[in-house]
Protein backbone atom coordinates (compact mmCIF):
# COMPACT_ATOMS: atom_id res chain seq x y z
CA UNK A 1 0.00 0.00 0.00
CA UNK A 2 1.49 3.33 -1.09
CA UNK A 3 -1.23 5.74 0.05
CA UNK A 4 -2.71 6.20 3.50
CA UNK A 5 -5.76 8.32 4.19
CA UNK A 6 -5.31 10.21 7.44
CA UNK A 7 -7.92 11.11 10.03
CA UNK A 8 -8.31 14.47 8.26
CA UNK A 9 -9.35 12.66 5.06
CA UNK A 10 -6.22 13.59 3.07
CA UNK A 11 -4.38 10.89 1.14
CA UNK A 12 -0.66 10.86 1.92
CA UNK A 13 2.40 8.74 1.21
CA UNK A 14 1.84 5.58 3.28
CA UNK A 15 5.06 5.98 5.29
CA UNK A 16 3.36 8.82 7.19
CA UNK A 17 0.79 6.58 8.88
CA UNK A 18 -1.26 8.26 11.60
CA UNK A 19 1.56 9.94 13.53
CA UNK A 20 0.72 13.67 13.85
CA UNK A 21 4.39 14.73 13.75
CA UNK A 22 5.01 12.66 10.62
CA UNK A 23 1.88 14.19 9.03
CA UNK A 24 3.10 17.71 9.75
CA UNK A 25 6.60 16.91 8.46
CA UNK A 26 5.22 15.31 5.27
CA UNK A 27 2.78 18.15 4.61
CA UNK A 28 5.01 21.11 5.47
CA UNK A 29 8.63 20.05 4.92
CA UNK A 30 9.36 16.82 3.06
CA UNK A 31 9.95 17.45 -0.62
CA UNK A 32 9.80 21.24 -0.38
CA UNK A 33 12.88 23.08 -1.66
CA UNK A 34 15.19 23.98 1.23
CA UNK A 35 18.05 26.44 0.80
CA UNK A 36 20.62 28.09 3.04
CA UNK A 37 23.91 26.84 4.42
CA UNK A 38 22.66 26.58 8.01
CA UNK A 39 19.44 24.81 7.06
CA UNK A 40 21.27 22.36 4.80
CA UNK A 41 23.97 21.74 7.40
CA UNK A 42 21.23 20.89 9.90
CA UNK A 43 19.60 18.51 7.44
CA UNK A 44 22.96 16.93 6.57
CA UNK A 45 23.66 16.43 10.27
CA UNK A 46 20.27 14.99 11.14
CA UNK A 47 20.31 12.64 8.14
CA UNK A 48 23.69 11.42 9.36
CA UNK A 49 22.31 10.81 12.84
CA UNK A 50 19.37 8.96 11.28
CA UNK A 51 21.60 6.33 9.62
CA UNK A 52 20.44 2.98 11.00
CA UNK A 53 17.43 4.48 12.78
CA UNK A 54 13.92 5.55 11.81
CA UNK A 55 13.39 9.16 10.74
CA UNK A 56 10.57 9.60 13.28
CA UNK A 57 13.14 9.03 16.04
CA UNK A 58 15.23 11.93 14.74
CA UNK A 59 12.19 14.11 14.10
CA UNK A 60 11.02 13.71 17.70
CA UNK A 61 14.51 14.51 18.99
CA UNK A 62 15.07 17.42 16.57
CA UNK A 63 14.17 20.19 19.07
CA UNK A 64 16.77 18.87 21.51
CA UNK A 65 19.33 18.39 18.73
CA UNK A 66 18.85 22.04 17.77
CA UNK A 67 19.24 23.13 21.36
CA UNK A 68 22.45 21.23 22.11
CA UNK A 69 24.02 21.78 18.67
CA UNK A 70 23.72 25.60 18.84
CA UNK A 71 20.91 25.75 16.31
CA UNK A 72 23.21 23.96 13.85
CA UNK A 73 25.10 27.19 13.20
CA UNK A 74 28.23 25.74 11.55
CA UNK A 75 30.55 28.35 13.07
CA UNK A 76 29.35 27.52 16.58
CA UNK A 77 29.45 23.74 16.13
CA UNK A 78 32.92 24.00 14.59
CA UNK A 79 34.18 25.33 17.94
CA UNK A 80 32.93 22.30 19.91
CA UNK A 81 35.69 20.49 21.76
CA UNK A 82 36.16 17.26 23.73
CA UNK A 83 34.12 18.68 26.61
CA UNK A 84 31.23 19.30 24.24
CA UNK A 85 31.51 15.75 22.92
CA UNK A 86 31.26 14.40 26.47
CA UNK A 87 28.32 16.73 27.19
CA UNK A 88 26.52 15.46 24.08
CA UNK A 89 27.30 11.83 24.88
CA UNK A 90 25.60 12.30 28.26
CA UNK A 91 22.43 13.87 26.80
CA UNK A 92 19.55 11.34 26.58
CA UNK A 93 17.56 13.77 24.41
CA UNK A 94 19.68 13.06 21.32
CA UNK A 95 21.21 10.04 19.61
CA UNK A 96 24.33 9.38 21.66
CA UNK A 97 26.68 8.00 19.04
CA UNK A 98 30.24 9.28 19.41
CA UNK A 99 31.17 8.72 15.75
CA UNK A 100 28.13 10.69 14.57
CA UNK A 101 28.76 13.51 17.05
CA UNK A 102 32.42 13.76 16.06
CA UNK A 103 31.45 13.66 12.37
CA UNK A 104 28.94 16.50 12.86
CA UNK A 105 31.60 18.67 14.48
CA UNK A 106 34.09 17.79 11.73
CA UNK A 107 31.51 18.52 9.04
CA UNK A 108 30.81 21.90 10.66
CA UNK A 109 34.51 22.74 10.47
CA UNK A 110 34.47 22.01 6.73
CA UNK A 111 31.37 24.17 6.21
CA UNK A 112 32.94 26.97 8.25
CA UNK A 113 35.83 27.10 5.77
CA UNK A 114 33.44 27.45 2.80
CA UNK A 115 32.26 30.74 1.37
CA UNK A 116 28.75 31.90 2.25
CA UNK A 117 26.28 30.07 0.06
CA UNK A 118 28.84 27.52 -1.10
CA UNK A 119 27.29 24.53 0.69
CA UNK A 120 23.88 25.39 -0.75
CA UNK A 121 25.27 25.77 -4.28
CA UNK A 122 27.32 22.59 -3.98
CA UNK A 123 24.47 20.40 -2.78
CA UNK A 124 21.90 21.76 -5.21
CA UNK A 125 24.32 21.31 -8.13
CA UNK A 126 23.67 17.56 -7.79
CA UNK A 127 19.86 17.86 -7.98
CA UNK A 128 18.53 15.95 -10.98
CA UNK A 129 17.55 18.12 -13.91
CA UNK A 130 14.45 17.66 -15.99
CA UNK A 131 11.21 16.00 -15.05
CA UNK A 132 11.25 12.56 -13.50
CA UNK A 133 8.25 10.29 -13.58
CA UNK A 134 6.26 10.48 -10.35
CA UNK A 135 6.56 7.24 -8.38
CA UNK A 136 3.34 5.27 -8.76
CA UNK A 137 4.09 3.27 -5.59
CA UNK A 138 6.54 3.33 -2.69
CA UNK A 139 8.33 0.41 -4.36
CA UNK A 140 9.21 2.78 -7.23
CA UNK A 141 11.19 5.06 -4.91
CA UNK A 142 14.91 4.22 -5.04
CA UNK A 143 17.17 4.00 -1.99
CA UNK A 144 19.94 5.81 -3.87
CA UNK A 145 20.49 7.27 -7.34
CA UNK A 146 23.47 8.13 -9.53
CA UNK A 147 23.06 11.77 -8.39
CA UNK A 148 23.13 10.85 -4.70
CA UNK A 149 26.19 8.66 -5.32
CA UNK A 150 28.16 11.49 -6.96
CA UNK A 151 27.04 13.95 -4.26
CA UNK A 152 28.24 11.47 -1.64
CA UNK A 153 31.55 11.03 -3.44
CA UNK A 154 32.14 14.77 -3.70
CA UNK A 155 31.29 15.39 -0.03
CA UNK A 156 33.59 12.55 1.04
CA UNK A 157 36.35 13.98 -1.15
CA UNK A 158 36.00 17.22 0.80
CA UNK A 159 36.23 15.33 4.11
CA UNK A 160 32.56 15.08 5.13
CA UNK A 161 31.48 11.95 7.00
CA UNK A 162 28.18 10.05 7.34
CA UNK A 163 27.26 11.11 3.81
CA UNK A 164 26.74 7.79 2.04
CA UNK A 165 24.64 7.57 -1.16
CA UNK A 166 21.50 6.34 0.64
CA UNK A 167 21.79 9.06 3.28
CA UNK A 168 22.31 11.65 0.56
CA UNK A 169 19.25 10.44 -1.33
CA UNK A 170 17.18 10.82 1.84
CA UNK A 171 18.57 14.36 2.09
CA UNK A 172 17.67 15.04 -1.55
CA UNK A 173 14.10 13.90 -0.86
CA UNK A 174 13.72 15.89 2.34
CA UNK A 175 15.16 19.10 0.84
CA UNK A 176 13.06 19.01 -2.32
CA UNK A 177 15.93 18.26 -4.68
CA UNK A 178 13.69 15.39 -5.76
CA UNK A 179 9.94 15.01 -5.34
CA UNK A 180 9.05 11.45 -4.34
CA UNK A 181 5.48 12.02 -3.20
CA UNK A 182 3.72 9.04 -4.73
CA UNK A 183 0.83 9.34 -7.17
CA UNK A 184 -2.39 9.83 -5.24
CA UNK A 185 -0.76 11.76 -2.38
CA UNK A 186 -2.34 15.19 -1.97
CA UNK A 187 1.14 16.72 -2.10
CA UNK A 188 1.78 15.03 -5.46
CA UNK A 189 -1.19 16.97 -6.82
CA UNK A 190 0.36 20.26 -5.65
CA UNK A 191 2.58 22.20 -8.05
CA UNK A 192 6.19 21.29 -7.43
CA UNK A 193 9.22 23.49 -7.85
CA UNK A 194 12.53 21.80 -7.25
CA UNK A 195 14.62 24.95 -7.47
C-alpha atoms as a PDB file:
ATOM      1  CA  UNK A   1       0.000   0.000   0.000  1.00  0.00           C
ATOM      2  CA  UNK A   2       1.492   3.327  -1.091  1.00  0.00           C
ATOM      3  CA  UNK A   3      -1.230   5.742   0.055  1.00  0.00           C
ATOM      4  CA  UNK A   4      -2.707   6.200   3.504  1.00  0.00           C
ATOM      5  CA  UNK A   5      -5.761   8.317   4.194  1.00  0.00           C
ATOM      6  CA  UNK A   6      -5.305  10.205   7.444  1.00  0.00           C
ATOM      7  CA  UNK A   7      -7.921  11.113  10.027  1.00  0.00           C
ATOM      8  CA  UNK A   8      -8.311  14.473   8.261  1.00  0.00           C
ATOM      9  CA  UNK A   9      -9.349  12.658   5.065  1.00  0.00           C
ATOM     10  CA  UNK A  10      -6.225  13.591   3.072  1.00  0.00           C
ATOM     11  CA  UNK A  11      -4.379  10.892   1.138  1.00  0.00           C
ATOM     12  CA  UNK A  12      -0.655  10.859   1.917  1.00  0.00           C
ATOM     13  CA  UNK A  13       2.396   8.745   1.207  1.00  0.00           C
ATOM     14  CA  UNK A  14       1.844   5.582   3.275  1.00  0.00           C
ATOM     15  CA  UNK A  15       5.063   5.977   5.290  1.00  0.00           C
ATOM     16  CA  UNK A  16       3.360   8.816   7.187  1.00  0.00           C
ATOM     17  CA  UNK A  17       0.790   6.575   8.876  1.00  0.00           C
ATOM     18  CA  UNK A  18      -1.260   8.262  11.600  1.00  0.00           C
ATOM     19  CA  UNK A  19       1.558   9.940  13.533  1.00  0.00           C
ATOM     20  CA  UNK A  20       0.719  13.672  13.850  1.00  0.00           C
ATOM     21  CA  UNK A  21       4.386  14.731  13.747  1.00  0.00           C
ATOM     22  CA  UNK A  22       5.013  12.660  10.623  1.00  0.00           C
ATOM     23  CA  UNK A  23       1.881  14.187   9.027  1.00  0.00           C
ATOM     24  CA  UNK A  24       3.102  17.712   9.755  1.00  0.00           C
ATOM     25  CA  UNK A  25       6.598  16.911   8.457  1.00  0.00           C
ATOM     26  CA  UNK A  26       5.222  15.313   5.274  1.00  0.00           C
ATOM     27  CA  UNK A  27       2.778  18.148   4.611  1.00  0.00           C
ATOM     28  CA  UNK A  28       5.006  21.106   5.472  1.00  0.00           C
ATOM     29  CA  UNK A  29       8.628  20.054   4.920  1.00  0.00           C
ATOM     30  CA  UNK A  30       9.358  16.820   3.057  1.00  0.00           C
ATOM     31  CA  UNK A  31       9.948  17.452  -0.622  1.00  0.00           C
ATOM     32  CA  UNK A  32       9.798  21.242  -0.380  1.00  0.00           C
ATOM     33  CA  UNK A  33      12.882  23.084  -1.655  1.00  0.00           C
ATOM     34  CA  UNK A  34      15.194  23.978   1.228  1.00  0.00           C
ATOM     35  CA  UNK A  35      18.045  26.439   0.798  1.00  0.00           C
ATOM     36  CA  UNK A  36      20.622  28.091   3.035  1.00  0.00           C
ATOM     37  CA  UNK A  37      23.912  26.844   4.421  1.00  0.00           C
ATOM     38  CA  UNK A  38      22.662  26.579   8.015  1.00  0.00           C
ATOM     39  CA  UNK A  39      19.440  24.807   7.058  1.00  0.00           C
ATOM     40  CA  UNK A  40      21.269  22.360   4.795  1.00  0.00           C
ATOM     41  CA  UNK A  41      23.975  21.744   7.400  1.00  0.00           C
ATOM     42  CA  UNK A  42      21.234  20.886   9.900  1.00  0.00           C
ATOM     43  CA  UNK A  43      19.597  18.507   7.439  1.00  0.00           C
ATOM     44  CA  UNK A  44      22.957  16.934   6.570  1.00  0.00           C
ATOM     45  CA  UNK A  45      23.664  16.432  10.272  1.00  0.00           C
ATOM     46  CA  UNK A  46      20.271  14.992  11.136  1.00  0.00           C
ATOM     47  CA  UNK A  47      20.306  12.643   8.140  1.00  0.00           C
ATOM     48  CA  UNK A  48      23.694  11.418   9.360  1.00  0.00           C
ATOM     49  CA  UNK A  49      22.311  10.815  12.842  1.00  0.00           C
ATOM     50  CA  UNK A  50      19.371   8.958  11.281  1.00  0.00           C
ATOM     51  CA  UNK A  51      21.597   6.329   9.625  1.00  0.00           C
ATOM     52  CA  UNK A  52      20.440   2.976  10.998  1.00  0.00           C
ATOM     53  CA  UNK A  53      17.426   4.480  12.782  1.00  0.00           C
ATOM     54  CA  UNK A  54      13.922   5.553  11.812  1.00  0.00           C
ATOM     55  CA  UNK A  55      13.394   9.165  10.736  1.00  0.00           C
ATOM     56  CA  UNK A  56      10.569   9.604  13.280  1.00  0.00           C
ATOM     57  CA  UNK A  57      13.138   9.034  16.042  1.00  0.00           C
ATOM     58  CA  UNK A  58      15.226  11.929  14.744  1.00  0.00           C
ATOM     59  CA  UNK A  59      12.185  14.109  14.101  1.00  0.00           C
ATOM     60  CA  UNK A  60      11.023  13.712  17.703  1.00  0.00           C
ATOM     61  CA  UNK A  61      14.507  14.515  18.988  1.00  0.00           C
ATOM     62  CA  UNK A  62      15.071  17.420  16.568  1.00  0.00           C
ATOM     63  CA  UNK A  63      14.170  20.193  19.068  1.00  0.00           C
ATOM     64  CA  UNK A  64      16.768  18.871  21.512  1.00  0.00           C
ATOM     65  CA  UNK A  65      19.326  18.391  18.731  1.00  0.00           C
ATOM     66  CA  UNK A  66      18.845  22.038  17.766  1.00  0.00           C
ATOM     67  CA  UNK A  67      19.244  23.128  21.360  1.00  0.00           C
ATOM     68  CA  UNK A  68      22.455  21.231  22.108  1.00  0.00           C
ATOM     69  CA  UNK A  69      24.022  21.782  18.666  1.00  0.00           C
ATOM     70  CA  UNK A  70      23.718  25.602  18.843  1.00  0.00           C
ATOM     71  CA  UNK A  71      20.911  25.752  16.306  1.00  0.00           C
ATOM     72  CA  UNK A  72      23.214  23.964  13.852  1.00  0.00           C
ATOM     73  CA  UNK A  73      25.097  27.188  13.202  1.00  0.00           C
ATOM     74  CA  UNK A  74      28.226  25.737  11.545  1.00  0.00           C
ATOM     75  CA  UNK A  75      30.549  28.353  13.066  1.00  0.00           C
ATOM     76  CA  UNK A  76      29.350  27.523  16.583  1.00  0.00           C
ATOM     77  CA  UNK A  77      29.446  23.742  16.126  1.00  0.00           C
ATOM     78  CA  UNK A  78      32.923  23.999  14.591  1.00  0.00           C
ATOM     79  CA  UNK A  79      34.179  25.334  17.939  1.00  0.00           C
ATOM     80  CA  UNK A  80      32.931  22.298  19.905  1.00  0.00           C
ATOM     81  CA  UNK A  81      35.693  20.487  21.761  1.00  0.00           C
ATOM     82  CA  UNK A  82      36.158  17.259  23.727  1.00  0.00           C
ATOM     83  CA  UNK A  83      34.120  18.679  26.611  1.00  0.00           C
ATOM     84  CA  UNK A  84      31.226  19.296  24.240  1.00  0.00           C
ATOM     85  CA  UNK A  85      31.512  15.753  22.918  1.00  0.00           C
ATOM     86  CA  UNK A  86      31.255  14.400  26.467  1.00  0.00           C
ATOM     87  CA  UNK A  87      28.324  16.731  27.185  1.00  0.00           C
ATOM     88  CA  UNK A  88      26.521  15.463  24.084  1.00  0.00           C
ATOM     89  CA  UNK A  89      27.303  11.829  24.883  1.00  0.00           C
ATOM     90  CA  UNK A  90      25.600  12.301  28.258  1.00  0.00           C
ATOM     91  CA  UNK A  91      22.429  13.868  26.804  1.00  0.00           C
ATOM     92  CA  UNK A  92      19.551  11.345  26.576  1.00  0.00           C
ATOM     93  CA  UNK A  93      17.555  13.772  24.408  1.00  0.00           C
ATOM     94  CA  UNK A  94      19.677  13.062  21.317  1.00  0.00           C
ATOM     95  CA  UNK A  95      21.214  10.042  19.614  1.00  0.00           C
ATOM     96  CA  UNK A  96      24.333   9.384  21.662  1.00  0.00           C
ATOM     97  CA  UNK A  97      26.682   7.999  19.041  1.00  0.00           C
ATOM     98  CA  UNK A  98      30.241   9.282  19.408  1.00  0.00           C
ATOM     99  CA  UNK A  99      31.165   8.716  15.751  1.00  0.00           C
ATOM    100  CA  UNK A 100      28.131  10.691  14.568  1.00  0.00           C
ATOM    101  CA  UNK A 101      28.755  13.510  17.054  1.00  0.00           C
ATOM    102  CA  UNK A 102      32.418  13.762  16.059  1.00  0.00           C
ATOM    103  CA  UNK A 103      31.446  13.660  12.368  1.00  0.00           C
ATOM    104  CA  UNK A 104      28.942  16.498  12.858  1.00  0.00           C
ATOM    105  CA  UNK A 105      31.601  18.667  14.475  1.00  0.00           C
ATOM    106  CA  UNK A 106      34.092  17.795  11.732  1.00  0.00           C
ATOM    107  CA  UNK A 107      31.515  18.519   9.043  1.00  0.00           C
ATOM    108  CA  UNK A 108      30.808  21.903  10.662  1.00  0.00           C
ATOM    109  CA  UNK A 109      34.510  22.739  10.471  1.00  0.00           C
ATOM    110  CA  UNK A 110      34.467  22.011   6.733  1.00  0.00           C
ATOM    111  CA  UNK A 111      31.366  24.170   6.211  1.00  0.00           C
ATOM    112  CA  UNK A 112      32.937  26.966   8.251  1.00  0.00           C
ATOM    113  CA  UNK A 113      35.830  27.098   5.771  1.00  0.00           C
ATOM    114  CA  UNK A 114      33.443  27.447   2.803  1.00  0.00           C
ATOM    115  CA  UNK A 115      32.256  30.741   1.372  1.00  0.00           C
ATOM    116  CA  UNK A 116      28.751  31.902   2.253  1.00  0.00           C
ATOM    117  CA  UNK A 117      26.277  30.067   0.059  1.00  0.00           C
ATOM    118  CA  UNK A 118      28.837  27.520  -1.097  1.00  0.00           C
ATOM    119  CA  UNK A 119      27.292  24.527   0.693  1.00  0.00           C
ATOM    120  CA  UNK A 120      23.876  25.390  -0.750  1.00  0.00           C
ATOM    121  CA  UNK A 121      25.268  25.774  -4.282  1.00  0.00           C
ATOM    122  CA  UNK A 122      27.319  22.591  -3.977  1.00  0.00           C
ATOM    123  CA  UNK A 123      24.471  20.400  -2.779  1.00  0.00           C
ATOM    124  CA  UNK A 124      21.900  21.760  -5.214  1.00  0.00           C
ATOM    125  CA  UNK A 125      24.319  21.308  -8.128  1.00  0.00           C
ATOM    126  CA  UNK A 126      23.665  17.564  -7.793  1.00  0.00           C
ATOM    127  CA  UNK A 127      19.858  17.859  -7.979  1.00  0.00           C
ATOM    128  CA  UNK A 128      18.532  15.947 -10.976  1.00  0.00           C
ATOM    129  CA  UNK A 129      17.553  18.119 -13.906  1.00  0.00           C
ATOM    130  CA  UNK A 130      14.453  17.657 -15.985  1.00  0.00           C
ATOM    131  CA  UNK A 131      11.209  16.000 -15.049  1.00  0.00           C
ATOM    132  CA  UNK A 132      11.245  12.564 -13.502  1.00  0.00           C
ATOM    133  CA  UNK A 133       8.246  10.286 -13.578  1.00  0.00           C
ATOM    134  CA  UNK A 134       6.264  10.479 -10.354  1.00  0.00           C
ATOM    135  CA  UNK A 135       6.560   7.236  -8.378  1.00  0.00           C
ATOM    136  CA  UNK A 136       3.337   5.266  -8.759  1.00  0.00           C
ATOM    137  CA  UNK A 137       4.090   3.271  -5.593  1.00  0.00           C
ATOM    138  CA  UNK A 138       6.543   3.328  -2.691  1.00  0.00           C
ATOM    139  CA  UNK A 139       8.333   0.412  -4.356  1.00  0.00           C
ATOM    140  CA  UNK A 140       9.210   2.781  -7.229  1.00  0.00           C
ATOM    141  CA  UNK A 141      11.186   5.063  -4.906  1.00  0.00           C
ATOM    142  CA  UNK A 142      14.910   4.220  -5.041  1.00  0.00           C
ATOM    143  CA  UNK A 143      17.169   3.995  -1.991  1.00  0.00           C
ATOM    144  CA  UNK A 144      19.938   5.807  -3.869  1.00  0.00           C
ATOM    145  CA  UNK A 145      20.487   7.272  -7.338  1.00  0.00           C
ATOM    146  CA  UNK A 146      23.468   8.131  -9.533  1.00  0.00           C
ATOM    147  CA  UNK A 147      23.064  11.765  -8.386  1.00  0.00           C
ATOM    148  CA  UNK A 148      23.129  10.848  -4.697  1.00  0.00           C
ATOM    149  CA  UNK A 149      26.188   8.660  -5.322  1.00  0.00           C
ATOM    150  CA  UNK A 150      28.164  11.493  -6.957  1.00  0.00           C
ATOM    151  CA  UNK A 151      27.043  13.955  -4.262  1.00  0.00           C
ATOM    152  CA  UNK A 152      28.242  11.470  -1.639  1.00  0.00           C
ATOM    153  CA  UNK A 153      31.550  11.029  -3.439  1.00  0.00           C
ATOM    154  CA  UNK A 154      32.144  14.773  -3.698  1.00  0.00           C
ATOM    155  CA  UNK A 155      31.290  15.390  -0.029  1.00  0.00           C
ATOM    156  CA  UNK A 156      33.592  12.549   1.037  1.00  0.00           C
ATOM    157  CA  UNK A 157      36.351  13.985  -1.153  1.00  0.00           C
ATOM    158  CA  UNK A 158      35.996  17.223   0.800  1.00  0.00           C
ATOM    159  CA  UNK A 159      36.228  15.327   4.113  1.00  0.00           C
ATOM    160  CA  UNK A 160      32.562  15.081   5.130  1.00  0.00           C
ATOM    161  CA  UNK A 161      31.480  11.949   7.002  1.00  0.00           C
ATOM    162  CA  UNK A 162      28.182  10.052   7.336  1.00  0.00           C
ATOM    163  CA  UNK A 163      27.262  11.114   3.811  1.00  0.00           C
ATOM    164  CA  UNK A 164      26.742   7.789   2.038  1.00  0.00           C
ATOM    165  CA  UNK A 165      24.642   7.566  -1.161  1.00  0.00           C
ATOM    166  CA  UNK A 166      21.504   6.345   0.643  1.00  0.00           C
ATOM    167  CA  UNK A 167      21.790   9.060   3.284  1.00  0.00           C
ATOM    168  CA  UNK A 168      22.314  11.649   0.558  1.00  0.00           C
ATOM    169  CA  UNK A 169      19.254  10.436  -1.331  1.00  0.00           C
ATOM    170  CA  UNK A 170      17.178  10.816   1.836  1.00  0.00           C
ATOM    171  CA  UNK A 171      18.573  14.362   2.090  1.00  0.00           C
ATOM    172  CA  UNK A 172      17.669  15.039  -1.552  1.00  0.00           C
ATOM    173  CA  UNK A 173      14.103  13.900  -0.856  1.00  0.00           C
ATOM    174  CA  UNK A 174      13.723  15.890   2.337  1.00  0.00           C
ATOM    175  CA  UNK A 175      15.160  19.096   0.843  1.00  0.00           C
ATOM    176  CA  UNK A 176      13.063  19.009  -2.318  1.00  0.00           C
ATOM    177  CA  UNK A 177      15.934  18.260  -4.685  1.00  0.00           C
ATOM    178  CA  UNK A 178      13.695  15.394  -5.761  1.00  0.00           C
ATOM    179  CA  UNK A 179       9.940  15.006  -5.344  1.00  0.00           C
ATOM    180  CA  UNK A 180       9.048  11.453  -4.344  1.00  0.00           C
ATOM    181  CA  UNK A 181       5.475  12.022  -3.199  1.00  0.00           C
ATOM    182  CA  UNK A 182       3.722   9.040  -4.735  1.00  0.00           C
ATOM    183  CA  UNK A 183       0.830   9.342  -7.169  1.00  0.00           C
ATOM    184  CA  UNK A 184      -2.395   9.827  -5.242  1.00  0.00           C
ATOM    185  CA  UNK A 185      -0.758  11.757  -2.382  1.00  0.00           C
ATOM    186  CA  UNK A 186      -2.336  15.186  -1.972  1.00  0.00           C
ATOM    187  CA  UNK A 187       1.145  16.724  -2.101  1.00  0.00           C
ATOM    188  CA  UNK A 188       1.775  15.035  -5.456  1.00  0.00           C
ATOM    189  CA  UNK A 189      -1.186  16.972  -6.816  1.00  0.00           C
ATOM    190  CA  UNK A 190       0.362  20.265  -5.655  1.00  0.00           C
ATOM    191  CA  UNK A 191       2.580  22.201  -8.051  1.00  0.00           C
ATOM    192  CA  UNK A 192       6.191  21.287  -7.428  1.00  0.00           C
ATOM    193  CA  UNK A 193       9.222  23.487  -7.846  1.00  0.00           C
ATOM    194  CA  UNK A 194      12.533  21.805  -7.254  1.00  0.00           C
ATOM    195  CA  UNK A 195      14.623  24.952  -7.474  1.00  0.00           C
END
